[in-house]
Amino acid sequence: ATMHMLEMDELVLSERALREGLIFDWMMRKGF
């Protein structure tokens, strides 16, 4: 439904999401 509603012909898969975002956010907060 999302693809059709946004008229997207294709999508790209990502294996990174929320958990990797927690690591990324921690790195930003710690100054890395």
PDB file of all heavy atoms in Angstrom:
ATOM      1  N   ALA A   1       0.832  -1.208   0.000  1.00  0.00           N
ATOM      2  CA  ALA A   1       0.000   0.000   0.000  1.00  0.00           C
ATOM      3  C   ALA A   1       0.863   1.254   0.000  1.00  0.00           C
ATOM      4  O   ALA A   1       0.571   2.234  -0.715  1.00  0.00           O
ATOM      5  CB  ALA A   1      -0.921  -0.009   1.213  1.00  0.00           C
ATOM      6  N   THR A   2       1.945   1.265   0.789  1.00  0.00           N
ATOM      7  CA  THR A   2       2.816   2.439   0.870  1.00  0.00           C
ATOM      8  C   THR A   2       3.477   2.722  -0.476  1.00  0.00           C
ATOM      9  O   THR A   2       3.547   3.880  -0.918  1.00  0.00           O
ATOM     10  CB  THR A   2       3.890   2.242   1.956  1.00  0.00           C
ATOM     11  OG1 THR A   2       3.268   1.855   3.185  1.00  0.00           O
ATOM     12  CG2 THR A   2       4.673   3.524   2.176  1.00  0.00           C
ATOM     13  N   MET A   3       3.952   1.677  -1.129  1.00  0.00           N
ATOM     14  CA  MET A   3       4.583   1.857  -2.446  1.00  0.00           C
ATOM     15  C   MET A   3       3.597   2.452  -3.444  1.00  0.00           C
ATOM     16  O   MET A   3       3.927   3.372  -4.198  1.00  0.00           O
ATOM     17  CB  MET A   3       5.131   0.530  -2.971  1.00  0.00           C
ATOM     18  CG  MET A   3       6.382   0.042  -2.297  1.00  0.00           C
ATOM     19  SD  MET A   3       7.196  -1.305  -3.198  1.00  0.00           S
ATOM     20  CE  MET A   3       8.042  -0.396  -4.508  1.00  0.00           C
ATOM     21  N   HIS A   4       2.391   1.915  -3.462  1.00  0.00           N
ATOM     22  CA  HIS A   4       1.394   2.397  -4.419  1.00  0.00           C
ATOM     23  C   HIS A   4       0.951   3.822  -4.096  1.00  0.00           C
ATOM     24  O   HIS A   4       0.808   4.655  -4.999  1.00  0.00           O
ATOM     25  CB  HIS A   4       0.184   1.463  -4.436  1.00  0.00           C
ATOM     26  CG  HIS A   4       0.420   0.209  -5.223  1.00  0.00           C
ATOM     27  ND1 HIS A   4       0.205   0.144  -6.589  1.00  0.00           N
ATOM     28  CD2 HIS A   4       0.862  -1.021  -4.858  1.00  0.00           C
ATOM     29  CE1 HIS A   4       0.500  -1.076  -7.027  1.00  0.00           C
ATOM     30  NE2 HIS A   4       0.902  -1.802  -5.985  1.00  0.00           N
ATOM     31  N   MET A   5       0.748   4.128  -2.819  1.00  0.00           N
ATOM     32  CA  MET A   5       0.277   5.457  -2.445  1.00  0.00           C
ATOM     33  C   MET A   5       1.323   6.533  -2.738  1.00  0.00           C
ATOM     34  O   MET A   5       0.982   7.664  -3.087  1.00  0.00           O
ATOM     35  CB  MET A   5      -0.103   5.478  -0.967  1.00  0.00           C
ATOM     36  CG  MET A   5      -1.325   4.623  -0.645  1.00  0.00           C
ATOM     37  SD  MET A   5      -1.632   4.468   1.134  1.00  0.00           S
ATOM     38  CE  MET A   5      -2.337   6.095   1.486  1.00  0.00           C
ATOM     39  N   LEU A   6       2.594   6.178  -2.601  1.00  0.00           N
ATOM     40  CA  LEU A   6       3.676   7.124  -2.880  1.00  0.00           C
ATOM     41  C   LEU A   6       4.179   7.018  -4.317  1.00  0.00           C
ATOM     42  O   LEU A   6       5.121   7.708  -4.702  1.00  0.00           O
ATOM     43  CB  LEU A   6       4.835   6.910  -1.906  1.00  0.00           C
ATOM     44  CG  LEU A   6       4.576   7.359  -0.466  1.00  0.00           C
ATOM     45  CD1 LEU A   6       5.661   6.847   0.465  1.00  0.00           C
ATOM     46  CD2 LEU A   6       4.481   8.876  -0.386  1.00  0.00           C
ATOM     47  N   GLU A   7       3.559   6.116  -5.094  1.00  0.00           N
ATOM     48  CA  GLU A   7       3.895   5.920  -6.515  1.00  0.00           C
ATOM     49  C   GLU A   7       5.377   5.598  -6.700  1.00  0.00           C
ATOM     50  O   GLU A   7       6.070   6.195  -7.524  1.00  0.00           O
ATOM     51  CB  GLU A   7       3.495   7.160  -7.325  1.00  0.00           C
ATOM     52  CG  GLU A   7       2.003   7.451  -7.263  1.00  0.00           C
ATOM     53  CD  GLU A   7       1.615   8.707  -8.031  1.00  0.00           C
ATOM     54  OE1 GLU A   7       2.513   9.548  -8.293  1.00  0.00           O
ATOM     55  OE2 GLU A   7       0.435   8.853  -8.360  1.00  0.00           O
ATOM     56  N   MET A   8       5.853   4.649  -5.916  1.00  0.00           N
ATOM     57  CA  MET A   8       7.245   4.211  -5.980  1.00  0.00           C
ATOM     58  C   MET A   8       7.368   2.963  -6.853  1.00  0.00           C
ATOM     59  O   MET A   8       6.650   1.986  -6.640  1.00  0.00           O
ATOM     60  CB  MET A   8       7.767   3.895  -4.569  1.00  0.00           C
ATOM     61  CG  MET A   8       7.819   5.087  -3.645  1.00  0.00           C
ATOM     62  SD  MET A   8       9.120   6.233  -4.134  1.00  0.00           S
ATOM     63  CE  MET A   8       9.020   7.454  -2.805  1.00  0.00           C
ATOM     64  N   ASP A   9       8.260   3.008  -7.824  1.00  0.00           N
ATOM     65  CA  ASP A   9       8.464   1.858  -8.709  1.00  0.00           C
ATOM     66  C   ASP A   9       9.342   0.788  -8.083  1.00  0.00           C
ATOM     67  O   ASP A   9       9.246  -0.387  -8.446  1.00  0.00           O
ATOM     68  CB  ASP A   9       9.087   2.309 -10.034  1.00  0.00           C
ATOM     69  CG  ASP A   9       8.145   3.181 -10.839  1.00  0.00           C
ATOM     70  OD1 ASP A   9       6.918   2.973 -10.741  1.00  0.00           O
ATOM     71  OD2 ASP A   9       8.635   4.071 -11.554  1.00  0.00           O
ATOM     72  N   GLU A  10      10.210   1.202  -7.156  1.00  0.00           N
ATOM     73  CA  GLU A  10      11.099   0.250  -6.491  1.00  0.00           C
ATOM     74  C   GLU A  10      11.501   0.790  -5.135  1.00  0.00           C
ATOM     75  O   GLU A  10      11.322   1.968  -4.822  1.00  0.00           O
ATOM     76  CB  GLU A  10      12.350  -0.051  -7.335  1.00  0.00           C
ATOM     77  CG  GLU A  10      13.312   1.097  -7.467  1.00  0.00           C
ATOM     78  CD  GLU A  10      14.590   0.732  -8.209  1.00  0.00           C
ATOM     79  OE1 GLU A  10      14.632  -0.323  -8.862  1.00  0.00           O
ATOM     80  OE2 GLU A  10      15.547   1.520  -8.144  1.00  0.00           O
ATOM     81  N   LEU A  11      12.037  -0.099  -4.324  1.00  0.00           N
ATOM     82  CA  LEU A  11      12.564   0.280  -3.021  1.00  0.00           C
ATOM     83  C   LEU A  11      13.908  -0.394  -2.808  1.00  0.00           C
ATOM     84  O   LEU A  11      14.250  -1.362  -3.490  1.00  0.00           O
ATOM     85  CB  LEU A  11      11.586  -0.095  -1.899  1.00  0.00           C
ATOM     86  CG  LEU A  11      11.177  -1.558  -1.720  1.00  0.00           C
ATOM     87  CD1 LEU A  11      12.214  -2.343  -0.926  1.00  0.00           C
ATOM     88  CD2 LEU A  11       9.832  -1.658  -1.028  1.00  0.00           C
ATOM     89  N   VAL A  12      14.668   0.144  -1.862  1.00  0.00           N
ATOM     90  CA  VAL A  12      15.967  -0.407  -1.493  1.00  0.00           C
ATOM     91  C   VAL A  12      15.862  -0.935  -0.067  1.00  0.00           C
ATOM     92  O   VAL A  12      15.274  -0.287   0.803  1.00  0.00           O
ATOM     93  CB  VAL A  12      17.072   0.664  -1.572  1.00  0.00           C
ATOM     94  CG1 VAL A  12      18.433   0.051  -1.251  1.00  0.00           C
ATOM     95  CG2 VAL A  12      17.089   1.323  -2.935  1.00  0.00           C
ATOM     96  N   LEU A  13      16.419  -2.112   0.171  1.00  0.00           N
ATOM     97  CA  LEU A  13      16.364  -2.701   1.510  1.00  0.00           C
ATOM     98  C   LEU A  13      17.544  -2.231   2.358  1.00  0.00           C
ATOM     99  O   LEU A  13      18.667  -2.080   1.862  1.00  0.00           O
ATOM    100  CB  LEU A  13      16.386  -4.227   1.424  1.00  0.00           C
ATOM    101  CG  LEU A  13      15.182  -4.883   0.746  1.00  0.00           C
ATOM    102  CD1 LEU A  13      15.400  -6.389   0.632  1.00  0.00           C
ATOM    103  CD2 LEU A  13      13.896  -4.599   1.511  1.00  0.00           C
ATOM    104  N   SER A  14      17.278  -1.986   3.615  1.00  0.00           N
ATOM    105  CA  SER A  14      18.331  -1.633   4.574  1.00  0.00           C
ATOM    106  C   SER A  14      18.290  -2.617   5.734  1.00  0.00           C
ATOM    107  O   SER A  14      17.227  -2.871   6.309  1.00  0.00           O
ATOM    108  CB  SER A  14      18.131  -0.207   5.109  1.00  0.00           C
ATOM    109  OG  SER A  14      18.999   0.048   6.201  1.00  0.00           O
ATOM    110  N   GLU A  15      19.440  -3.158   6.084  1.00  0.00           N
ATOM    111  CA  GLU A  15      19.529  -4.062   7.226  1.00  0.00           C
ATOM    112  C   GLU A  15      19.746  -3.298   8.525  1.00  0.00           C
ATOM    113  O   GLU A  15      19.778  -3.892   9.596  1.00  0.00           O
ATOM    114  CB  GLU A  15      20.663  -5.075   7.011  1.00  0.00           C
ATOM    115  CG  GLU A  15      20.370  -6.060   5.880  1.00  0.00           C
ATOM    116  CD  GLU A  15      21.470  -7.092   5.695  1.00  0.00           C
ATOM    117  OE1 GLU A  15      22.627  -6.788   6.047  1.00  0.00           O
ATOM    118  OE2 GLU A  15      21.177  -8.185   5.203  1.00  0.00           O
ATOM    119  N   ARG A  16      19.915  -1.985   8.433  1.00  0.00           N
ATOM    120  CA  ARG A  16      20.102  -1.166   9.626  1.00  0.00           C
ATOM    121  C   ARG A  16      18.828  -0.383   9.928  1.00  0.00           C
ATOM    122  O   ARG A  16      18.184   0.130   9.015  1.00  0.00           O
ATOM    123  CB  ARG A  16      21.280  -0.212   9.451  1.00  0.00           C
ATOM    124  CG  ARG A  16      22.617  -0.938   9.412  1.00  0.00           C
ATOM    125  CD  ARG A  16      23.781   0.008   9.590  1.00  0.00           C
ATOM    126  NE  ARG A  16      25.017  -0.728   9.828  1.00  0.00           N
ATOM    127  CZ  ARG A  16      26.148  -0.168  10.257  1.00  0.00           C
ATOM    128  NH1 ARG A  16      26.199   1.119  10.515  1.00  0.00           N
ATOM    129  NH2 ARG A  16      27.227  -0.903  10.451  1.00  0.00           N
ATOM    130  N   ALA A  17      18.492  -0.286  11.202  1.00  0.00           N
ATOM    131  CA  ALA A  17      17.259   0.398  11.590  1.00  0.00           C
ATOM    132  C   ALA A  17      17.376   0.918  13.024  1.00  0.00           C
ATOM    133  O   ALA A  17      18.371   1.551  13.379  1.00  0.00           O
ATOM    134  CB  ALA A  17      16.065  -0.532  11.422  1.00  0.00           C
ATOM    135  N   LEU A  18      16.383   0.619  13.860  1.00  0.00           N
ATOM    136  CA  LEU A  18      16.285   1.195  15.201  1.00  0.00           C
ATOM    137  C   LEU A  18      17.499   0.899  16.076  1.00  0.00           C
ATOM    138  O   LEU A  18      18.054   1.801  16.715  1.00  0.00           O
ATOM    139  CB  LEU A  18      15.014   0.686  15.878  1.00  0.00           C
ATOM    140  CG  LEU A  18      14.803   1.092  17.343  1.00  0.00           C
ATOM    141  CD1 LEU A  18      14.720   2.596  17.490  1.00  0.00           C
ATOM    142  CD2 LEU A  18      13.550   0.435  17.905  1.00  0.00           C
ATOM    143  N   ARG A  19      17.933  -0.349  16.133  1.00  0.00           N
ATOM    144  CA  ARG A  19      19.031  -0.703  17.039  1.00  0.00           C
ATOM    145  C   ARG A  19      20.324   0.000  16.642  1.00  0.00           C
ATOM    146  O   ARG A  19      21.066   0.504  17.492  1.00  0.00           O
ATOM    147  CB  ARG A  19      19.208  -2.227  17.072  1.00  0.00           C
ATOM    148  CG  ARG A  19      18.043  -2.925  17.747  1.00  0.00           C
ATOM    149  CD  ARG A  19      18.100  -4.424  17.595  1.00  0.00           C
ATOM    150  NE  ARG A  19      17.957  -4.889  16.233  1.00  0.00           N
ATOM    151  CZ  ARG A  19      16.790  -4.921  15.567  1.00  0.00           C
ATOM    152  NH1 ARG A  19      15.695  -4.474  16.139  1.00  0.00           N
ATOM    153  NH2 ARG A  19      16.732  -5.392  14.342  1.00  0.00           N
ATOM    154  N   GLU A  20      20.595   0.022  15.330  1.00  0.00           N
ATOM    155  CA  GLU A  20      21.778   0.744  14.865  1.00  0.00           C
ATOM    156  C   GLU A  20      21.621   2.243  15.129  1.00  0.00           C
ATOM    157  O   GLU A  20      22.608   2.944  15.392  1.00  0.00           O
ATOM    158  CB  GLU A  20      21.998   0.485  13.377  1.00  0.00           C
ATOM    159  CG  GLU A  20      22.451  -0.930  13.041  1.00  0.00           C
ATOM    160  CD  GLU A  20      21.324  -1.948  13.051  1.00  0.00           C
ATOM    161  OE1 GLU A  20      20.145  -1.545  13.167  1.00  0.00           O
ATOM    162  OE2 GLU A  20      21.605  -3.163  12.941  1.00  0.00           O
ATOM    163  N   GLY A  21      20.376   2.723  15.065  1.00  0.00           N
ATOM    164  CA  GLY A  21      20.123   4.123  15.393  1.00  0.00           C
ATOM    165  C   GLY A  21      20.435   4.438  16.837  1.00  0.00           C
ATOM    166  O   GLY A  21      20.902   5.540  17.165  1.00  0.00           O
ATOM    167  N   LEU A  22      20.186   3.492  17.744  1.00  0.00           N
ATOM    168  CA  LEU A  22      20.539   3.682  19.154  1.00  0.00           C
ATOM    169  C   LEU A  22      22.052   3.835  19.323  1.00  0.00           C
ATOM    170  O   LEU A  22      22.521   4.662  20.114  1.00  0.00           O
ATOM    171  CB  LEU A  22      20.040   2.501  19.988  1.00  0.00           C
ATOM    172  CG  LEU A  22      18.530   2.404  20.204  1.00  0.00           C
ATOM    173  CD1 LEU A  22      18.166   1.052  20.827  1.00  0.00           C
ATOM    174  CD2 LEU A  22      18.048   3.540  21.101  1.00  0.00           C
ATOM    175  N   ILE A  23      22.816   3.028  18.586  1.00  0.00           N
ATOM    176  CA  ILE A  23      24.281   3.137  18.637  1.00  0.00           C
ATOM    177  C   ILE A  23      24.721   4.483  18.073  1.00  0.00           C
ATOM    178  O   ILE A  23      25.562   5.193  18.661  1.00  0.00           O
ATOM    179  CB  ILE A  23      24.941   1.987  17.845  1.00  0.00           C
ATOM    180  CG1 ILE A  23      24.504   0.621  18.380  1.00  0.00           C
ATOM    181  CG2 ILE A  23      26.457   2.127  17.873  1.00  0.00           C
ATOM    182  CD1 ILE A  23      24.943   0.324  19.787  1.00  0.00           C
ATOM    183  N   PHE A  24      24.172   4.848  16.928  1.00  0.00           N
ATOM    184  CA  PHE A  24      24.520   6.118  16.274  1.00  0.00           C
ATOM    185  C   PHE A  24      24.200   7.294  17.184  1.00  0.00           C
ATOM    186  O   PHE A  24      24.991   8.242  17.331  1.00  0.00           O
ATOM    187  CB  PHE A  24      23.732   6.218  14.961  1.00  0.00           C
ATOM    188  CG  PHE A  24      24.245   7.237  13.989  1.00  0.00           C
ATOM    189  CD1 PHE A  24      25.088   6.875  12.952  1.00  0.00           C
ATOM    190  CD2 PHE A  24      23.868   8.562  14.096  1.00  0.00           C
ATOM    191  CE1 PHE A  24      25.546   7.819  12.044  1.00  0.00           C
ATOM    192  CE2 PHE A  24      24.323   9.512  13.199  1.00  0.00           C
ATOM    193  CZ  PHE A  24      25.166   9.141  12.167  1.00  0.00           C
ATOM    194  N   ASP A  25      23.020   7.248  17.813  1.00  0.00           N
ATOM    195  CA  ASP A  25      22.601   8.323  18.720  1.00  0.00           C
ATOM    196  C   ASP A  25      23.529   8.402  19.935  1.00  0.00           C
ATOM    197  O   ASP A  25      23.892   9.504  20.388  1.00  0.00           O
ATOM    198  CB  ASP A  25      21.155   8.064  19.161  1.00  0.00           C
ATOM    199  CG  ASP A  25      20.581   9.205  19.974  1.00  0.00           C
ATOM    200  OD1 ASP A  25      20.540  10.337  19.459  1.00  0.00           O
ATOM    201  OD2 ASP A  25      20.188   8.968  21.132  1.00  0.00           O
ATOM    202  N   TRP A  26      23.932   7.257  20.470  1.00  0.00           N
ATOM    203  CA  TRP A  26      24.864   7.227  21.593  1.00  0.00           C
ATOM    204  C   TRP A  26      26.198   7.867  21.205  1.00  0.00           C
ATOM    205  O   TRP A  26      26.773   8.636  21.983  1.00  0.00           O
ATOM    206  CB  TRP A  26      25.079   5.784  22.046  1.00  0.00           C
ATOM    207  CG  TRP A  26      26.005   5.635  23.220  1.00  0.00           C
ATOM    208  CD1 TRP A  26      25.669   5.629  24.542  1.00  0.00           C
ATOM    209  CD2 TRP A  26      27.432   5.465  23.181  1.00  0.00           C
ATOM    210  NE1 TRP A  26      26.790   5.474  25.331  1.00  0.00           N
ATOM    211  CE2 TRP A  26      27.885   5.363  24.522  1.00  0.00           C
ATOM    212  CE3 TRP A  26      28.363   5.380  22.159  1.00  0.00           C
ATOM    213  CZ2 TRP A  26      29.227   5.197  24.838  1.00  0.00           C
ATOM    214  CZ3 TRP A  26      29.708   5.222  22.470  1.00  0.00           C
ATOM    215  CH2 TRP A  26      30.126   5.119  23.805  1.00  0.00           C
ATOM    216  N   MET A  27      26.669   7.559  19.984  1.00  0.00           N
ATOM    217  CA  MET A  27      27.930   8.127  19.518  1.00  0.00           C
ATOM    218  C   MET A  27      27.846   9.648  19.401  1.00  0.00           C
ATOM    219  O   MET A  27      28.792  10.359  19.737  1.00  0.00           O
ATOM    220  CB  MET A  27      28.311   7.506  18.169  1.00  0.00           C
ATOM    221  CG  MET A  27      28.700   6.038  18.246  1.00  0.00           C
ATOM    222  SD  MET A  27      28.980   5.295  16.615  1.00  0.00           S
ATOM    223  CE  MET A  27      30.444   6.206  16.081  1.00  0.00           C
ATOM    224  N   MET A  28      26.709  10.154  18.952  1.00  0.00           N
ATOM    225  CA  MET A  28      26.541  11.609  18.854  1.00  0.00           C
ATOM    226  C   MET A  28      26.507  12.247  20.241  1.00  0.00           C
ATOM    227  O   MET A  28      27.131  13.285  20.482  1.00  0.00           O
ATOM    228  CB  MET A  28      25.262  11.944  18.087  1.00  0.00           C
ATOM    229  CG  MET A  28      25.350  11.647  16.591  1.00  0.00           C
ATOM    230  SD  MET A  28      24.044  12.457  15.638  1.00  0.00           S
ATOM    231  CE  MET A  28      22.584  11.702  16.344  1.00  0.00           C
ATOM    232  N   ARG A  29      25.793  11.621  21.160  1.00  0.00           N
ATOM    233  CA  ARG A  29      25.683  12.184  22.503  1.00  0.00           C
ATOM    234  C   ARG A  29      27.022  12.172  23.250  1.00  0.00           C
ATOM    235  O   ARG A  29      27.279  13.027  24.090  1.00  0.00           O
ATOM    236  CB  ARG A  29      24.625  11.422  23.303  1.00  0.00           C
ATOM    237  CG  ARG A  29      23.198  11.751  22.863  1.00  0.00           C
ATOM    238  CD  ARG A  29      22.154  11.132  23.769  1.00  0.00           C
ATOM    239  NE  ARG A  29      21.985   9.706  23.538  1.00  0.00           N
ATOM    240  CZ  ARG A  29      22.382   8.750  24.352  1.00  0.00           C
ATOM    241  NH1 ARG A  29      23.025   9.051  25.462  1.00  0.00           N
ATOM    242  NH2 ARG A  29      22.167   7.481  24.071  1.00  0.00           N
ATOM    243  N   LYS A  30      27.867  11.180  22.930  1.00  0.00           N
ATOM    244  CA  LYS A  30      29.161  11.058  23.596  1.00  0.00           C
ATOM    245  C   LYS A  30      30.275  11.834  22.884  1.00  0.00           C
ATOM    246  O   LYS A  30      31.430  11.789  23.301  1.00  0.00           O
ATOM    247  CB  LYS A  30      29.560   9.583  23.697  1.00  0.00           C
ATOM    248  CG  LYS A  30      28.618   8.758  24.574  1.00  0.00           C
ATOM    249  CD  LYS A  30      28.628   9.236  26.011  1.00  0.00           C
ATOM    250  CE  LYS A  30      27.725   8.386  26.883  1.00  0.00           C
ATOM    251  NZ  LYS A  30      27.695   8.839  28.285  1.00  0.00           N
ATOM    252  N   GLY A  31      29.931  12.512  21.796  1.00  0.00           N
ATOM    253  CA  GLY A  31      30.916  13.338  21.114  1.00  0.00           C
ATOM    254  C   GLY A  31      31.735  12.630  20.055  1.00  0.00           C
ATOM    255  O   GLY A  31      32.655  13.227  19.485  1.00  0.00           O
ATOM    256  N   PHE A  32      31.436  11.358  19.763  1.00  0.00           N
ATOM    257  CA  PHE A  32      32.164  10.658  18.704  1.00  0.00           C
ATOM    258  C   PHE A  32      31.774  11.205  17.331  1.00  0.00           C
ATOM    259  O   PHE A  32      32.545  11.131  16.386  1.00  0.00           O
ATOM    260  CB  PHE A  32      31.872   9.156  18.741  1.00  0.00           C
ATOM    261  CG  PHE A  32      32.524   8.444  19.892  1.00  0.00           C
ATOM    262  CD1 PHE A  32      31.796   8.031  20.981  1.00  0.00           C
ATOM    263  CD2 PHE A  32      33.886   8.192  19.882  1.00  0.00           C
ATOM    264  CE1 PHE A  32      32.383   7.381  22.048  1.00  0.00           C
ATOM    265  CE2 PHE A  32      34.502   7.542  20.938  1.00  0.00           C
ATOM    266  CZ  PHE A  32      33.743   7.132  22.029  1.00  0.00           C
TER     267      PHE A  32
END
